Protein backbone atom coordinates (compact mmCIF):
# COMPACT_ATOMS: atom_id res chain seq x y z
CA UNK A 1 18.84 -44.35 12.22
CA UNK A 2 21.24 -46.77 10.56
CA UNK A 3 21.61 -50.33 11.84
CA UNK A 4 24.62 -51.20 13.81
CA UNK A 5 25.69 -54.17 11.52
CA UNK A 6 25.62 -51.75 8.57
CA UNK A 7 27.94 -49.33 10.39
CA UNK A 8 30.03 -52.12 11.39
CA UNK A 9 30.30 -53.40 7.78
CA UNK A 10 31.13 -50.03 6.47
CA UNK A 11 33.88 -49.82 9.12
CA UNK A 12 35.37 -53.13 8.19
CA UNK A 13 35.22 -52.32 4.51
CA UNK A 14 37.02 -48.99 4.98
CA UNK A 15 39.60 -50.68 7.20
CA UNK A 16 40.13 -53.17 4.26
CA UNK A 17 40.82 -50.34 1.83
CA UNK A 18 43.21 -48.46 4.06
CA UNK A 19 44.27 -44.95 2.76
CA UNK A 20 42.03 -45.35 -0.20
CA UNK A 21 39.14 -44.43 2.21
CA UNK A 22 40.47 -40.96 2.37
CA UNK A 23 39.63 -40.56 -1.53
CA UNK A 24 35.95 -41.36 -0.86
CA UNK A 25 33.20 -38.81 -0.93
CA UNK A 26 29.84 -40.02 0.42
CA UNK A 27 26.79 -37.88 -0.01
CA UNK A 28 23.55 -38.17 1.86
CA UNK A 29 20.07 -37.00 0.82
CA UNK A 30 18.47 -35.61 4.09
CA UNK A 31 14.97 -34.17 4.35
CA UNK A 32 15.23 -31.47 7.05
CA UNK A 33 18.20 -30.92 9.40
CA UNK A 34 16.40 -32.51 12.30
CA UNK A 35 16.81 -35.85 10.64
CA UNK A 36 20.59 -35.28 10.08
CA UNK A 37 21.62 -36.68 13.44
CA UNK A 38 19.60 -39.58 13.21
CA UNK A 39 20.58 -40.33 9.77
CA UNK A 40 24.24 -39.87 10.22
CA UNK A 41 25.19 -40.45 13.86
CA UNK A 42 27.64 -43.41 14.21
CA UNK A 43 27.93 -43.76 10.43
CA UNK A 44 29.40 -40.29 10.21
CA UNK A 45 31.89 -40.96 12.93
CA UNK A 46 33.14 -44.06 11.17
CA UNK A 47 33.39 -42.17 7.89
CA UNK A 48 35.26 -39.41 9.35
CA UNK A 49 37.71 -41.76 11.39
CA UNK A 50 38.76 -43.15 7.95
CA UNK A 51 39.10 -39.79 6.31
CA UNK A 52 36.10 -40.17 4.16
CA UNK A 53 34.56 -36.82 3.12
CA UNK A 54 30.82 -36.69 4.15
CA UNK A 55 28.56 -34.45 2.13
CA UNK A 56 24.80 -33.56 2.07
CA UNK A 57 23.30 -33.03 -1.50
CA UNK A 58 20.38 -31.16 -2.90
CA UNK A 59 20.57 -28.39 -0.39
CA UNK A 60 18.07 -25.69 -1.29
CA UNK A 61 18.32 -23.39 1.57
CA UNK A 62 20.99 -22.43 4.31
CA UNK A 63 20.91 -24.96 7.01
CA UNK A 64 19.61 -23.89 10.36
CA UNK A 65 22.28 -25.56 12.51
CA UNK A 66 25.52 -25.49 10.78
CA UNK A 67 27.29 -26.49 14.07
CA UNK A 68 25.65 -29.70 14.13
CA UNK A 69 26.52 -30.38 10.69
CA UNK A 70 30.26 -29.70 11.69
CA UNK A 71 29.98 -31.88 14.64
CA UNK A 72 28.63 -34.66 12.61
CA UNK A 73 31.69 -34.40 10.34
CA UNK A 74 29.76 -32.99 7.39
CA UNK A 75 32.61 -31.65 5.08
CA UNK A 76 30.43 -30.02 2.25
CA UNK A 77 27.03 -29.13 1.11
CA UNK A 78 26.13 -29.70 -2.61
CA UNK A 79 23.48 -27.29 -3.76
CA UNK A 80 20.21 -28.18 -5.41
CA UNK A 81 20.37 -28.07 -9.10
CA UNK A 82 17.50 -25.72 -9.54
CA UNK A 83 19.27 -23.21 -7.30
CA UNK A 84 22.19 -23.08 -9.49
CA UNK A 85 20.39 -22.55 -13.01
CA UNK A 86 19.13 -19.62 -14.79
CA UNK A 87 21.33 -17.16 -12.88
CA UNK A 88 21.75 -14.56 -15.46
CA UNK A 89 19.41 -11.68 -15.77
CA UNK A 90 17.73 -9.29 -13.41
CA UNK A 91 15.01 -11.72 -12.40
CA UNK A 92 17.58 -13.87 -10.76
CA UNK A 93 19.11 -11.31 -8.44
CA UNK A 94 17.52 -12.88 -5.38
CA UNK A 95 18.67 -16.39 -6.36
CA UNK A 96 22.28 -14.93 -6.72
CA UNK A 97 22.05 -13.20 -3.37
CA UNK A 98 20.94 -16.59 -1.70
CA UNK A 99 23.90 -18.32 -3.23
CA UNK A 100 26.22 -15.66 -1.97
CA UNK A 101 24.86 -15.87 1.46
CA UNK A 102 25.22 -19.80 1.36
CA UNK A 103 28.76 -19.52 0.09
CA UNK A 104 29.70 -17.03 2.87
CA UNK A 105 27.96 -18.99 5.51
CA UNK A 106 29.67 -22.20 4.51
CA UNK A 107 33.10 -20.48 4.49
CA UNK A 108 32.53 -19.00 7.91
CA UNK A 109 31.62 -22.31 9.35
CA UNK A 110 34.21 -24.43 7.65
CA UNK A 111 31.90 -26.26 5.33
CA UNK A 112 32.53 -26.29 1.55
CA UNK A 113 29.57 -25.31 -0.56
CA UNK A 114 29.40 -26.92 -4.02
CA UNK A 115 27.29 -26.48 -7.04
CA UNK A 116 26.76 -29.50 -9.37
CA UNK A 117 27.17 -29.35 -13.16
CA UNK A 118 26.30 -25.73 -14.57
CA UNK A 119 23.45 -25.67 -16.92
CA UNK A 120 25.16 -23.05 -19.04
CA UNK A 121 28.55 -21.30 -19.39
CA UNK A 122 26.80 -18.04 -18.07
CA UNK A 123 25.68 -20.05 -14.95
CA UNK A 124 29.24 -21.62 -14.44
CA UNK A 125 30.68 -18.17 -14.55
CA UNK A 126 28.49 -16.64 -12.08
CA UNK A 127 28.74 -19.67 -9.67
CA UNK A 128 32.61 -19.31 -9.77
CA UNK A 129 32.28 -15.54 -9.23
CA UNK A 130 30.28 -16.28 -5.98
CA UNK A 131 32.97 -18.76 -4.83
CA UNK A 132 31.12 -21.91 -5.63
CA UNK A 133 32.88 -24.70 -7.56
CA UNK A 134 30.89 -26.30 -10.26
CA UNK A 135 31.33 -28.77 -13.04
CA UNK A 136 31.42 -27.44 -16.77
CA UNK A 137 28.13 -27.69 -18.55
CA UNK A 138 27.68 -30.79 -20.58
CA UNK A 139 28.45 -30.46 -24.21
CA UNK A 140 25.72 -31.96 -26.41
CA UNK A 141 26.98 -32.90 -29.90
CA UNK A 142 24.62 -33.46 -32.70
CA UNK A 143 24.46 -37.09 -34.11
CA UNK A 144 24.73 -37.41 -37.67
């Protein structure tokens, strides 16, 4: 659980920046859903009150309690990188199915599900076909 002085400091900082707080996205790494309420609690309420988007990153499986995430003001889930790579080919059918289920579950619960940077153009294409926004793959240029 966070310290009250930290939550108060975040609240004061967001009050000071006014509407700019609505442009802020804050992501948390949380190991297991059982820690979500303790890790976010009052901090999530402060962030939500200022219009700041709250997300959980490195999500590798569908959360068990989407309702809890919604009540805490979590706006999106950012998928684990490994889950979003190597999606082409027959050996990845299970991974693609899991991603599709996560995208549909998020949509039905009002949570955005996002992928990070795609590892390849093929991965980016497949992620978007599944309804998962992602960043373009990095372009590596040879140095001369």
